[in-house]
Amino acid sequence: MASYICASTNHLDLFVPIMALIVGAHFFPLASLFQVPIYYITGILLCLLATLVMLTFPVKTIISNHHIMTWWVSVGFGSALILWGTGVIVCLRGFKLLSIAQNGAENDKLSTRL
C-alpha cells in the first residue's frame, strides 16, 4: 500500500523512510505482546532514524555521475544495523535463559536423587 501511494503521488523517494516508520511502529505492540522491552528501543530507533534522515539528509546526491538515493541508502543500512543489533541481543538473552533453564533442570534432577 505504501509503495502504491508513494508511486501514485510521484514521491517514490519517500518509500524506504516510510517503510522504516511502519516497521518501527509495529515493534511497539510486539514489545507489549511478547514482553520484550528491547523492542521498544528498536521501534524508537527505527522511527527516529527515518525521521532524522528525512529532516537532515538530501534526498539524493551525485557521486562520479552516479545518482545515489541518499535517503534509501542511509535508512536501509541504518535499519539493518538496528535490526541486526536487536537480533543479536535477543539471541544472547535467549541463550542465557536456556542456560538458566538447563541449570535449573539439572538442579531438580540432583534434588530428586537425594
PDB file of N, CA and C in Angstrom:
ATOM      1  N   MET A   1       0.815  -1.176   0.000  1.00  0.00           N
ATOM      2  CA  MET A   1       0.000   0.000   0.000  1.00  0.00           C
ATOM      3  C   MET A   1       0.873   1.260   0.000  1.00  0.00           C
ATOM      4  N   ALA A   2       1.922   1.247   0.826  1.00  0.00           N
ATOM      5  CA  ALA A   2       2.823   2.402   0.895  1.00  0.00           C
ATOM      6  C   ALA A   2       3.504   2.627  -0.452  1.00  0.00           C
ATOM      7  N   SER A   3       3.920   1.550  -1.086  1.00  0.00           N
ATOM      8  CA  SER A   3       4.564   1.658  -2.397  1.00  0.00           C
ATOM      9  C   SER A   3       3.603   2.260  -3.414  1.00  0.00           C
ATOM     10  N   TYR A   4       2.371   1.794  -3.409  1.00  0.00           N
ATOM     11  CA  TYR A   4       1.372   2.292  -4.356  1.00  0.00           C
ATOM     12  C   TYR A   4       1.109   3.779  -4.140  1.00  0.00           C
ATOM     13  N   ILE A   5       0.947   4.172  -2.875  1.00  0.00           N
ATOM     14  CA  ILE A   5       0.673   5.580  -2.574  1.00  0.00           C
ATOM     15  C   ILE A   5       1.856   6.465  -2.946  1.00  0.00           C
ATOM     16  N   CYS A   6       3.066   6.025  -2.610  1.00  0.00           N
ATOM     17  CA  CYS A   6       4.259   6.813  -2.948  1.00  0.00           C
ATOM     18  C   CYS A   6       4.426   6.945  -4.459  1.00  0.00           C
ATOM     19  N   ALA A   7       4.221   5.846  -5.176  1.00  0.00           N
ATOM     20  CA  ALA A   7       4.384   5.873  -6.633  1.00  0.00           C
ATOM     21  C   ALA A   7       3.283   6.700  -7.294  1.00  0.00           C
ATOM     22  N   SER A   8       2.051   6.550  -6.836  1.00  0.00           N
ATOM     23  CA  SER A   8       0.946   7.271  -7.481  1.00  0.00           C
ATOM     24  C   SER A   8       0.970   8.762  -7.183  1.00  0.00           C
ATOM     25  N   THR A   9       1.606   9.177  -6.103  1.00  0.00           N
ATOM     26  CA  THR A   9       1.738  10.605  -5.802  1.00  0.00           C
ATOM     27  C   THR A   9       3.075  11.170  -6.271  1.00  0.00           C
ATOM     28  N   ASN A  10       3.823  10.339  -6.991  1.00  0.00           N
ATOM     29  CA  ASN A  10       5.121  10.744  -7.549  1.00  0.00           C
ATOM     30  C   ASN A  10       6.121  11.118  -6.438  1.00  0.00           C
ATOM     31  N   HIS A  11       6.085  10.373  -5.342  1.00  0.00           N
ATOM     32  CA  HIS A  11       7.024  10.569  -4.232  1.00  0.00           C
ATOM     33  C   HIS A  11       7.652   9.235  -3.834  1.00  0.00           C
ATOM     34  N   LEU A  12       8.167   8.512  -4.813  1.00  0.00           N
ATOM     35  CA  LEU A  12       8.775   7.213  -4.533  1.00  0.00           C
ATOM     36  C   LEU A  12      10.005   7.349  -3.638  1.00  0.00           C
ATOM     37  N   ASP A  13      10.606   8.533  -3.590  1.00  0.00           N
ATOM     38  CA  ASP A  13      11.757   8.752  -2.725  1.00  0.00           C
ATOM     39  C   ASP A  13      11.405   8.584  -1.245  1.00  0.00           C
ATOM     40  N   LEU A  14      10.123   8.714  -0.902  1.00  0.00           N
ATOM     41  CA  LEU A  14       9.682   8.547   0.484  1.00  0.00           C
ATOM     42  C   LEU A  14       9.463   7.091   0.884  1.00  0.00           C
ATOM     43  N   PHE A  15       9.517   6.184  -0.070  1.00  0.00           N
ATOM     44  CA  PHE A  15       9.135   4.796   0.192  1.00  0.00           C
ATOM     45  C   PHE A  15       9.963   4.136   1.299  1.00  0.00           C
ATOM     46  N   VAL A  16      11.277   4.187   1.227  1.00  0.00           N
ATOM     47  CA  VAL A  16      12.119   3.500   2.226  1.00  0.00           C
ATOM     48  C   VAL A  16      11.983   4.133   3.610  1.00  0.00           C
ATOM     49  N   PRO A  17      12.015   5.468   3.740  1.00  0.00           N
ATOM     50  CA  PRO A  17      11.783   6.026   5.080  1.00  0.00           C
ATOM     51  C   PRO A  17      10.400   5.688   5.647  1.00  0.00           C
ATOM     52  N   ILE A  18       9.370   5.685   4.795  1.00  0.00           N
ATOM     53  CA  ILE A  18       8.035   5.330   5.277  1.00  0.00           C
ATOM     54  C   ILE A  18       7.996   3.874   5.716  1.00  0.00           C
ATOM     55  N   MET A  19       8.659   3.006   4.986  1.00  0.00           N
ATOM     56  CA  MET A  19       8.706   1.595   5.390  1.00  0.00           C
ATOM     57  C   MET A  19       9.421   1.437   6.732  1.00  0.00           C
ATOM     58  N   ALA A  20      10.482   2.219   6.953  1.00  0.00           N
ATOM     59  CA  ALA A  20      11.182   2.164   8.248  1.00  0.00           C
ATOM     60  C   ALA A  20      10.254   2.639   9.369  1.00  0.00           C
ATOM     61  N   LEU A  21       9.450   3.662   9.098  1.00  0.00           N
ATOM     62  CA  LEU A  21       8.485   4.127  10.091  1.00  0.00           C
ATOM     63  C   LEU A  21       7.429   3.057  10.385  1.00  0.00           C
ATOM     64  N   ILE A  22       6.949   2.386   9.350  1.00  0.00           N
ATOM     65  CA  ILE A  22       5.951   1.332   9.524  1.00  0.00           C
ATOM     66  C   ILE A  22       6.539   0.162  10.313  1.00  0.00           C
ATOM     67  N   VAL A  23       7.728  -0.270   9.941  1.00  0.00           N
ATOM     68  CA  VAL A  23       8.379  -1.388  10.642  1.00  0.00           C
ATOM     69  C   VAL A  23       8.667  -0.993  12.089  1.00  0.00           C
ATOM     70  N   GLY A  24       9.161   0.233  12.293  1.00  0.00           N
ATOM     71  CA  GLY A  24       9.429   0.694  13.651  1.00  0.00           C
ATOM     72  C   GLY A  24       8.172   0.731  14.500  1.00  0.00           C
ATOM     73  N   ALA A  25       7.076   1.230  13.923  1.00  0.00           N
ATOM     74  CA  ALA A  25       5.811   1.334  14.661  1.00  0.00           C
ATOM     75  C   ALA A  25       5.267  -0.040  15.039  1.00  0.00           C
ATOM     76  N   HIS A  26       5.524  -1.050  14.214  1.00  0.00           N
ATOM     77  CA  HIS A  26       4.964  -2.370  14.543  1.00  0.00           C
ATOM     78  C   HIS A  26       5.696  -3.035  15.710  1.00  0.00           C
ATOM     79  N   PHE A  27       6.872  -2.518  16.082  1.00  0.00           N
ATOM     80  CA  PHE A  27       7.589  -3.087  17.221  1.00  0.00           C
ATOM     81  C   PHE A  27       6.952  -2.711  18.559  1.00  0.00           C
ATOM     82  N   PHE A  28       6.193  -1.610  18.610  1.00  0.00           N
ATOM     83  CA  PHE A  28       5.591  -1.192  19.880  1.00  0.00           C
ATOM     84  C   PHE A  28       4.548  -2.187  20.389  1.00  0.00           C
ATOM     85  N   PRO A  29       3.575  -2.601  19.580  1.00  0.00           N
ATOM     86  CA  PRO A  29       2.647  -3.615  20.090  1.00  0.00           C
ATOM     87  C   PRO A  29       3.318  -4.974  20.323  1.00  0.00           C
ATOM     88  N   LEU A  30       4.348  -5.286  19.523  1.00  0.00           N
ATOM     89  CA  LEU A  30       5.053  -6.551  19.729  1.00  0.00           C
ATOM     90  C   LEU A  30       5.780  -6.571  21.071  1.00  0.00           C
ATOM     91  N   ALA A  31       6.352  -5.426  21.452  1.00  0.00           N
ATOM     92  CA  ALA A  31       7.057  -5.339  22.735  1.00  0.00           C
ATOM     93  C   ALA A  31       6.103  -5.631  23.880  1.00  0.00           C
ATOM     94  N   SER A  32       4.915  -5.081  23.802  1.00  0.00           N
ATOM     95  CA  SER A  32       3.918  -5.316  24.843  1.00  0.00           C
ATOM     96  C   SER A  32       3.389  -6.741  24.797  1.00  0.00           C
ATOM     97  N   LEU A  33       3.084  -7.220  23.605  1.00  0.00           N
ATOM     98  CA  LEU A  33       2.502  -8.548  23.441  1.00  0.00           C
ATOM     99  C   LEU A  33       3.439  -9.650  23.921  1.00  0.00           C
ATOM    100  N   PHE A  34       4.719  -9.570  23.518  1.00  0.00           N
ATOM    101  CA  PHE A  34       5.675 -10.625  23.849  1.00  0.00           C
ATOM    102  C   PHE A  34       6.529 -10.313  25.078  1.00  0.00           C
ATOM    103  N   GLN A  35       6.283  -9.162  25.710  1.00  0.00           N
ATOM    104  CA  GLN A  35       7.038  -8.765  26.905  1.00  0.00           C
ATOM    105  C   GLN A  35       8.542  -8.729  26.638  1.00  0.00           C
ATOM    106  N   VAL A  36       8.930  -8.076  25.544  1.00  0.00           N
ATOM    107  CA  VAL A  36      10.339  -7.929  25.177  1.00  0.00           C
ATOM    108  C   VAL A  36      10.653  -6.429  25.134  1.00  0.00           C
ATOM    109  N   PRO A  37      11.170  -5.863  26.226  1.00  0.00           N
ATOM    110  CA  PRO A  37      11.393  -4.416  26.308  1.00  0.00           C
ATOM    111  C   PRO A  37      12.347  -3.863  25.234  1.00  0.00           C
ATOM    112  N   ILE A  38      13.279  -4.669  24.754  1.00  0.00           N
ATOM    113  CA  ILE A  38      14.220  -4.193  23.731  1.00  0.00           C
ATOM    114  C   ILE A  38      13.484  -3.791  22.455  1.00  0.00           C
ATOM    115  N   TYR A  39      12.301  -4.353  22.221  1.00  0.00           N
ATOM    116  CA  TYR A  39      11.520  -3.998  21.041  1.00  0.00           C
ATOM    117  C   TYR A  39      11.054  -2.547  21.081  1.00  0.00           C
ATOM    118  N   TYR A  40      10.834  -1.997  22.277  1.00  0.00           N
ATOM    119  CA  TYR A  40      10.500  -0.570  22.376  1.00  0.00           C
ATOM    120  C   TYR A  40      11.660   0.275  21.857  1.00  0.00           C
ATOM    121  N   ILE A  41      12.865  -0.095  22.257  1.00  0.00           N
ATOM    122  CA  ILE A  41      14.054   0.644  21.817  1.00  0.00           C
ATOM    123  C   ILE A  41      14.227   0.497  20.314  1.00  0.00           C
ATOM    124  N   THR A  42      14.013  -0.698  19.788  1.00  0.00           N
ATOM    125  CA  THR A  42      14.118  -0.928  18.344  1.00  0.00           C
ATOM    126  C   THR A  42      13.118  -0.054  17.589  1.00  0.00           C
ATOM    127  N   GLY A  43      11.886  -0.022  18.052  1.00  0.00           N
ATOM    128  CA  GLY A  43      10.864   0.803  17.406  1.00  0.00           C
ATOM    129  C   GLY A  43      11.215   2.274  17.434  1.00  0.00           C
ATOM    130  N   ILE A  44      11.675   2.744  18.581  1.00  0.00           N
ATOM    131  CA  ILE A  44      12.068   4.153  18.704  1.00  0.00           C
ATOM    132  C   ILE A  44      13.220   4.469  17.762  1.00  0.00           C
ATOM    133  N   LEU A  45      14.241   3.602  17.736  1.00  0.00           N
ATOM    134  CA  LEU A  45      15.407   3.856  16.890  1.00  0.00           C
ATOM    135  C   LEU A  45      15.057   3.866  15.406  1.00  0.00           C
ATOM    136  N   LEU A  46      14.212   2.933  14.964  1.00  0.00           N
ATOM    137  CA  LEU A  46      13.827   2.898  13.547  1.00  0.00           C
ATOM    138  C   LEU A  46      13.030   4.146  13.159  1.00  0.00           C
ATOM    139  N   CYS A  47      12.082   4.536  13.993  1.00  0.00           N
ATOM    140  CA  CYS A  47      11.289   5.735  13.703  1.00  0.00           C
ATOM    141  C   CYS A  47      12.154   6.994  13.748  1.00  0.00           C
ATOM    142  N   LEU A  48      13.037   7.053  14.728  1.00  0.00           N
ATOM    143  CA  LEU A  48      13.934   8.200  14.852  1.00  0.00           C
ATOM    144  C   LEU A  48      14.896   8.285  13.671  1.00  0.00           C
ATOM    145  N   LEU A  49      15.438   7.152  13.251  1.00  0.00           N
ATOM    146  CA  LEU A  49      16.342   7.120  12.100  1.00  0.00           C
ATOM    147  C   LEU A  49      15.654   7.668  10.849  1.00  0.00           C
ATOM    148  N   ALA A  50      14.475   7.146  10.542  1.00  0.00           N
ATOM    149  CA  ALA A  50      13.758   7.589   9.345  1.00  0.00           C
ATOM    150  C   ALA A  50      13.446   9.075   9.411  1.00  0.00           C
ATOM    151  N   THR A  51      13.002   9.539  10.559  1.00  0.00           N
ATOM    152  CA  THR A  51      12.650  10.952  10.709  1.00  0.00           C
ATOM    153  C   THR A  51      13.868  11.851  10.580  1.00  0.00           C
ATOM    154  N   LEU A  52      14.952  11.513  11.268  1.00  0.00           N
ATOM    155  CA  LEU A  52      16.162  12.337  11.210  1.00  0.00           C
ATOM    156  C   LEU A  52      16.774  12.371   9.808  1.00  0.00           C
ATOM    157  N   VAL A  53      16.764  11.230   9.129  1.00  0.00           N
ATOM    158  CA  VAL A  53      17.314  11.194   7.769  1.00  0.00           C
ATOM    159  C   VAL A  53      16.497  12.097   6.852  1.00  0.00           C
ATOM    160  N   MET A  54      15.171  12.028   6.948  1.00  0.00           N
ATOM    161  CA  MET A  54      14.331  12.864   6.086  1.00  0.00           C
ATOM    162  C   MET A  54      14.493  14.351   6.397  1.00  0.00           C
ATOM    163  N   LEU A  55      14.775  14.682   7.658  1.00  0.00           N
ATOM    164  CA  LEU A  55      14.915  16.089   8.031  1.00  0.00           C
ATOM    165  C   LEU A  55      16.300  16.663   7.761  1.00  0.00           C
ATOM    166  N   THR A  56      17.323  15.819   7.701  1.00  0.00           N
ATOM    167  CA  THR A  56      18.688  16.343   7.620  1.00  0.00           C
ATOM    168  C   THR A  56      19.454  15.974   6.343  1.00  0.00           C
ATOM    169  N   PHE A  57      19.126  14.883   5.706  1.00  0.00           N
ATOM    170  CA  PHE A  57      19.888  14.437   4.538  1.00  0.00           C
ATOM    171  C   PHE A  57      19.211  14.908   3.253  1.00  0.00           C
ATOM    172  N   PRO A  58      20.006  15.117   2.197  1.00  0.00           N
ATOM    173  CA  PRO A  58      19.386  15.368   0.894  1.00  0.00           C
ATOM    174  C   PRO A  58      18.755  14.075   0.370  1.00  0.00           C
ATOM    175  N   VAL A  59      17.728  14.203  -0.438  1.00  0.00           N
ATOM    176  CA  VAL A  59      17.031  13.034  -0.972  1.00  0.00           C
ATOM    177  C   VAL A  59      17.980  12.182  -1.800  1.00  0.00           C
ATOM    178  N   LYS A  60      18.755  12.830  -2.650  1.00  0.00           N
ATOM    179  CA  LYS A  60      19.721  12.105  -3.473  1.00  0.00           C
ATOM    180  C   LYS A  60      20.948  12.958  -3.683  1.00  0.00           C
ATOM    181  N   THR A  61      22.011  12.308  -4.092  1.00  0.00           N
ATOM    182  CA  THR A  61      23.257  13.004  -4.377  1.00  0.00           C
ATOM    183  C   THR A  61      23.897  12.381  -5.613  1.00  0.00           C
ATOM    184  N   ILE A  62      24.839  13.080  -6.203  1.00  0.00           N
ATOM    185  CA  ILE A  62      25.536  12.569  -7.388  1.00  0.00           C
ATOM    186  C   ILE A  62      27.006  12.402  -7.035  1.00  0.00           C
ATOM    187  N   ILE A  63      27.504  11.189  -7.228  1.00  0.00           N
ATOM    188  CA  ILE A  63      28.917  10.894  -7.000  1.00  0.00           C
ATOM    189  C   ILE A  63      29.465  10.263  -8.272  1.00  0.00           C
ATOM    190  N   SER A  64      30.415  10.921  -8.896  1.00  0.00           N
ATOM    191  CA  SER A  64      31.035  10.432 -10.145  1.00  0.00           C
ATOM    192  C   SER A  64      29.969  10.064 -11.188  1.00  0.00           C
ATOM    193  N   ASN A  65      29.057  10.974 -11.430  1.00  0.00           N
ATOM    194  CA  ASN A  65      27.984  10.791 -12.409  1.00  0.00           C
ATOM    195  C   ASN A  65      27.026   9.650 -12.073  1.00  0.00           C
ATOM    196  N   HIS A  66      27.011   9.209 -10.820  1.00  0.00           N
ATOM    197  CA  HIS A  66      26.082   8.180 -10.375  1.00  0.00           C
ATOM    198  C   HIS A  66      25.087   8.818  -9.401  1.00  0.00           C
ATOM    199  N   HIS A  67      23.818   8.635  -9.676  1.00  0.00           N
ATOM    200  CA  HIS A  67      22.782   9.157  -8.785  1.00  0.00           C
ATOM    201  C   HIS A  67      22.601   8.187  -7.617  1.00  0.00           C
ATOM    202  N   ILE A  68      22.791   8.675  -6.421  1.00  0.00           N
ATOM    203  CA  ILE A  68      22.669   7.868  -5.210  1.00  0.00           C
ATOM    204  C   ILE A  68      21.443   8.371  -4.426  1.00  0.00           C
ATOM    205  N   MET A  69      20.531   7.465  -4.108  1.00  0.00           N
ATOM    206  CA  MET A  69      19.370   7.818  -3.279  1.00  0.00           C
ATOM    207  C   MET A  69      19.836   7.822  -1.822  1.00  0.00           C
ATOM    208  N   THR A  70      20.225   8.982  -1.342  1.00  0.00           N
ATOM    209  CA  THR A  70      20.809   9.114  -0.009  1.00  0.00           C
ATOM    210  C   THR A  70      19.863   8.619   1.079  1.00  0.00           C
ATOM    211  N   TRP A  71      18.584   8.964   0.957  1.00  0.00           N
ATOM    212  CA  TRP A  71      17.620   8.509   1.964  1.00  0.00           C
ATOM    213  C   TRP A  71      17.547   6.995   2.013  1.00  0.00           C
ATOM    214  N   TRP A  72      17.492   6.378   0.838  1.00  0.00           N
ATOM    215  CA  TRP A  72      17.357   4.921   0.778  1.00  0.00           C
ATOM    216  C   TRP A  72      18.573   4.230   1.378  1.00  0.00           C
ATOM    217  N   VAL A  73      19.759   4.705   1.000  1.00  0.00           N
ATOM    218  CA  VAL A  73      20.995   4.084   1.488  1.00  0.00           C
ATOM    219  C   VAL A  73      21.126   4.271   3.002  1.00  0.00           C
ATOM    220  N   SER A  74      20.905   5.490   3.464  1.00  0.00           N
ATOM    221  CA  SER A  74      21.065   5.787   4.891  1.00  0.00           C
ATOM    222  C   SER A  74      20.061   5.024   5.746  1.00  0.00           C
ATOM    223  N   VAL A  75      18.802   5.083   5.362  1.00  0.00           N
ATOM    224  CA  VAL A  75      17.770   4.391   6.130  1.00  0.00           C
ATOM    225  C   VAL A  75      17.941   2.873   6.019  1.00  0.00           C
ATOM    226  N   GLY A  76      18.314   2.396   4.836  1.00  0.00           N
ATOM    227  CA  GLY A  76      18.497   0.956   4.640  1.00  0.00           C
ATOM    228  C   GLY A  76      19.606   0.386   5.498  1.00  0.00           C
ATOM    229  N   PHE A  77      20.781   0.991   5.427  1.00  0.00           N
ATOM    230  CA  PHE A  77      21.903   0.488   6.223  1.00  0.00           C
ATOM    231  C   PHE A  77      21.678   0.720   7.715  1.00  0.00           C
ATOM    232  N   GLY A  78      21.130   1.880   8.073  1.00  0.00           N
ATOM    233  CA  GLY A  78      20.847   2.157   9.483  1.00  0.00           C
ATOM    234  C   GLY A  78      19.844   1.171  10.061  1.00  0.00           C
ATOM    235  N   SER A  79      18.783   0.892   9.305  1.00  0.00           N
ATOM    236  CA  SER A  79      17.772  -0.068   9.753  1.00  0.00           C
ATOM    237  C   SER A  79      18.375  -1.459   9.896  1.00  0.00           C
ATOM    238  N   ALA A  80      19.227  -1.830   8.957  1.00  0.00           N
ATOM    239  CA  ALA A  80      19.871  -3.145   9.033  1.00  0.00           C
ATOM    240  C   ALA A  80      20.697  -3.266  10.310  1.00  0.00           C
ATOM    241  N   LEU A  81      21.455  -2.226  10.634  1.00  0.00           N
ATOM    242  CA  LEU A  81      22.267  -2.259  11.861  1.00  0.00           C
ATOM    243  C   LEU A  81      21.385  -2.363  13.105  1.00  0.00           C
ATOM    244  N   ILE A  82      20.307  -1.590  13.138  1.00  0.00           N
ATOM    245  CA  ILE A  82      19.403  -1.623  14.285  1.00  0.00           C
ATOM    246  C   ILE A  82      18.780  -3.009  14.426  1.00  0.00           C
ATOM    247  N   LEU A  83      18.293  -3.562  13.325  1.00  0.00           N
ATOM    248  CA  LEU A  83      17.611  -4.857  13.383  1.00  0.00           C
ATOM    249  C   LEU A  83      18.574  -5.998  13.683  1.00  0.00           C
ATOM    250  N   TRP A  84      19.781  -5.961  13.112  1.00  0.00           N
ATOM    251  CA  TRP A  84      20.774  -6.986  13.431  1.00  0.00           C
ATOM    252  C   TRP A  84      21.189  -6.884  14.900  1.00  0.00           C
ATOM    253  N   GLY A  85      21.355  -5.657  15.396  1.00  0.00           N
ATOM    254  CA  GLY A  85      21.691  -5.465  16.809  1.00  0.00           C
ATOM    255  C   GLY A  85      20.612  -6.022  17.716  1.00  0.00           C
ATOM    256  N   THR A  86      19.363  -5.771  17.362  1.00  0.00           N
ATOM    257  CA  THR A  86      18.241  -6.313  18.129  1.00  0.00           C
ATOM    258  C   THR A  86      18.262  -7.837  18.097  1.00  0.00           C
ATOM    259  N   GLY A  87      18.508  -8.399  16.927  1.00  0.00           N
ATOM    260  CA  GLY A  87      18.566  -9.854  16.793  1.00  0.00           C
ATOM    261  C   GLY A  87      19.657 -10.471  17.647  1.00  0.00           C
ATOM    262  N   VAL A  88      20.821  -9.841  17.662  1.00  0.00           N
ATOM    263  CA  VAL A  88      21.937 -10.351  18.468  1.00  0.00           C
ATOM    264  C   VAL A  88      21.595 -10.282  19.954  1.00  0.00           C
ATOM    265  N   ILE A  89      21.015  -9.157  20.392  1.00  0.00           N
ATOM    266  CA  ILE A  89      20.664  -9.003  21.806  1.00  0.00           C
ATOM    267  C   ILE A  89      19.614 -10.033  22.219  1.00  0.00           C
ATOM    268  N   VAL A  90      18.586 -10.204  21.405  1.00  0.00           N
ATOM    269  CA  VAL A  90      17.534 -11.176  21.719  1.00  0.00           C
ATOM    270  C   VAL A  90      18.105 -12.593  21.728  1.00  0.00           C
ATOM    271  N   CYS A  91      18.996 -12.896  20.796  1.00  0.00           N
ATOM    272  CA  CYS A  91      19.608 -14.222  20.730  1.00  0.00           C
ATOM    273  C   CYS A  91      20.474 -14.486  21.967  1.00  0.00           C
ATOM    274  N   LEU A  92      21.288 -13.511  22.357  1.00  0.00           N
ATOM    275  CA  LEU A  92      22.129 -13.680  23.545  1.00  0.00           C
ATOM    276  C   LEU A  92      21.288 -13.859  24.805  1.00  0.00           C
ATOM    277  N   ARG A  93      20.202 -13.087  24.912  1.00  0.00           N
ATOM    278  CA  ARG A  93      19.315 -13.250  26.070  1.00  0.00           C
ATOM    279  C   ARG A  93      18.633 -14.611  26.042  1.00  0.00           C
ATOM    280  N   GLY A  94      18.302 -15.079  24.858  1.00  0.00           N
ATOM    281  CA  GLY A  94      17.702 -16.409  24.728  1.00  0.00           C
ATOM    282  C   GLY A  94      18.655 -17.492  25.177  1.00  0.00           C
ATOM    283  N   PHE A  95      19.922 -17.396  24.768  1.00  0.00           N
ATOM    284  CA  PHE A  95      20.918 -18.375  25.202  1.00  0.00           C
ATOM    285  C   PHE A  95      21.080 -18.347  26.718  1.00  0.00           C
ATOM    286  N   LYS A  96      21.058 -17.147  27.296  1.00  0.00           N
ATOM    287  CA  LYS A  96      21.190 -17.019  28.741  1.00  0.00           C
ATOM    288  C   LYS A  96      20.000 -17.683  29.451  1.00  0.00           C
ATOM    289  N   LEU A  97      18.798 -17.454  28.940  1.00  0.00           N
ATOM    290  CA  LEU A  97      17.613 -18.079  29.533  1.00  0.00           C
ATOM    291  C   LEU A  97      17.650 -19.597  29.393  1.00  0.00           C
ATOM    292  N   LEU A  98      18.117 -20.090  28.251  1.00  0.00           N
ATOM    293  CA  LEU A  98      18.250 -21.538  28.077  1.00  0.00           C
ATOM    294  C   LEU A  98      19.249 -22.121  29.058  1.00  0.00           C
ATOM    295  N   SER A  99      20.344 -21.399  29.279  1.00  0.00           N
ATOM    296  CA  SER A  99      21.352 -21.859  30.229  1.00  0.00           C
ATOM    297  C   SER A  99      20.780 -21.903  31.646  1.00  0.00           C
ATOM    298  N   ILE A 100      20.025 -20.882  32.018  1.00  0.00           N
ATOM    299  CA  ILE A 100      19.404 -20.849  33.342  1.00  0.00           C
ATOM    300  C   ILE A 100      18.411 -21.998  33.488  1.00  0.00           C
ATOM    301  N   ALA A 101      17.608 -22.223  32.452  1.00  0.00           N
ATOM    302  CA  ALA A 101      16.622 -23.308  32.491  1.00  0.00           C
ATOM    303  C   ALA A 101      17.305 -24.666  32.575  1.00  0.00           C
ATOM    304  N   GLN A 102      18.408 -24.807  31.822  1.00  0.00           N
ATOM    305  CA  GLN A 102      19.128 -26.078  31.837  1.00  0.00           C
ATOM    306  C   GLN A 102      19.746 -26.323  33.209  1.00  0.00           C
ATOM    307  N   ASN A 103      20.326 -25.296  33.803  1.00  0.00           N
ATOM    308  CA  ASN A 103      20.912 -25.439  35.137  1.00  0.00           C
ATOM    309  C   ASN A 103      19.834 -25.742  36.170  1.00  0.00           C
ATOM    310  N   GLY A 104      18.674 -25.124  36.014  1.00  0.00           N
ATOM    311  CA  GLY A 104      17.559 -25.397  36.927  1.00  0.00           C
ATOM    312  C   GLY A 104      17.083 -26.829  36.802  1.00  0.00           C
ATOM    313  N   ALA A 105      17.040 -27.357  35.588  1.00  0.00           N
ATOM    314  CA  ALA A 105      16.617 -28.744  35.365  1.00  0.00           C
ATOM    315  C   ALA A 105      17.627 -29.715  35.969  1.00  0.00           C
ATOM    316  N   GLU A 106      18.916 -29.406  35.842  1.00  0.00           N
ATOM    317  CA  GLU A 106      19.945 -30.270  36.418  1.00  0.00           C
ATOM    318  C   GLU A 106      19.871 -30.253  37.944  1.00  0.00           C
ATOM    319  N   ASN A 107      19.591 -29.080  38.509  1.00  0.00           N
ATOM    320  CA  ASN A 107      19.457 -28.994  39.970  1.00  0.00           C
ATOM    321  C   ASN A 107      18.237 -29.765  40.447  1.00  0.00           C
ATOM    322  N   ASP A 108      17.153 -29.746  39.675  1.00  0.00           N
ATOM    323  CA  ASP A 108      15.955 -30.513  40.032  1.00  0.00           C
ATOM    324  C   ASP A 108      16.256 -32.010  40.019  1.00  0.00           C
ATOM    325  N   LYS A 109      17.040 -32.471  39.023  1.00  0.00           N
ATOM    326  CA  LYS A 109      17.390 -33.891  38.946  1.00  0.00           C
ATOM    327  C   LYS A 109      18.226 -34.286  40.158  1.00  0.00           C
ATOM    328  N   LEU A 110      19.175 -33.426  40.547  1.00  0.00           N
ATOM    329  CA  LEU A 110      20.021 -33.731  41.701  1.00  0.00           C
ATOM    330  C   LEU A 110      19.200 -33.798  42.978  1.00  0.00           C
ATOM    331  N   SER A 111      18.268 -32.898  43.161  1.00  0.00           N
ATOM    332  CA  SER A 111      17.473 -32.874  44.392  1.00  0.00           C
ATOM    333  C   SER A 111      16.528 -34.064  44.472  1.00  0.00           C
ATOM    334  N   THR A 112      16.055 -34.581  43.332  1.00  0.00           N
ATOM    335  CA  THR A 112      15.180 -35.754  43.369  1.00  0.00           C
ATOM    336  C   THR A 112      15.972 -37.024  43.663  1.00  0.00           C
ATOM    337  N   ARG A 113      17.247 -37.053  43.307  1.00  0.00           N
ATOM    338  CA  ARG A 113      18.097 -38.215  43.586  1.00  0.00           C
ATOM    339  C   ARG A 113      18.429 -38.316  45.070  1.00  0.00           C
ATOM    340  N   LEU A 114      18.555 -37.182  45.701  1.00  0.00           N
ATOM    341  CA  LEU A 114      18.928 -37.171  47.118  1.00  0.00           C
ATOM    342  C   LEU A 114      17.715 -37.475  47.908  1.00  0.00           C
TER     343      LEU A 114
END
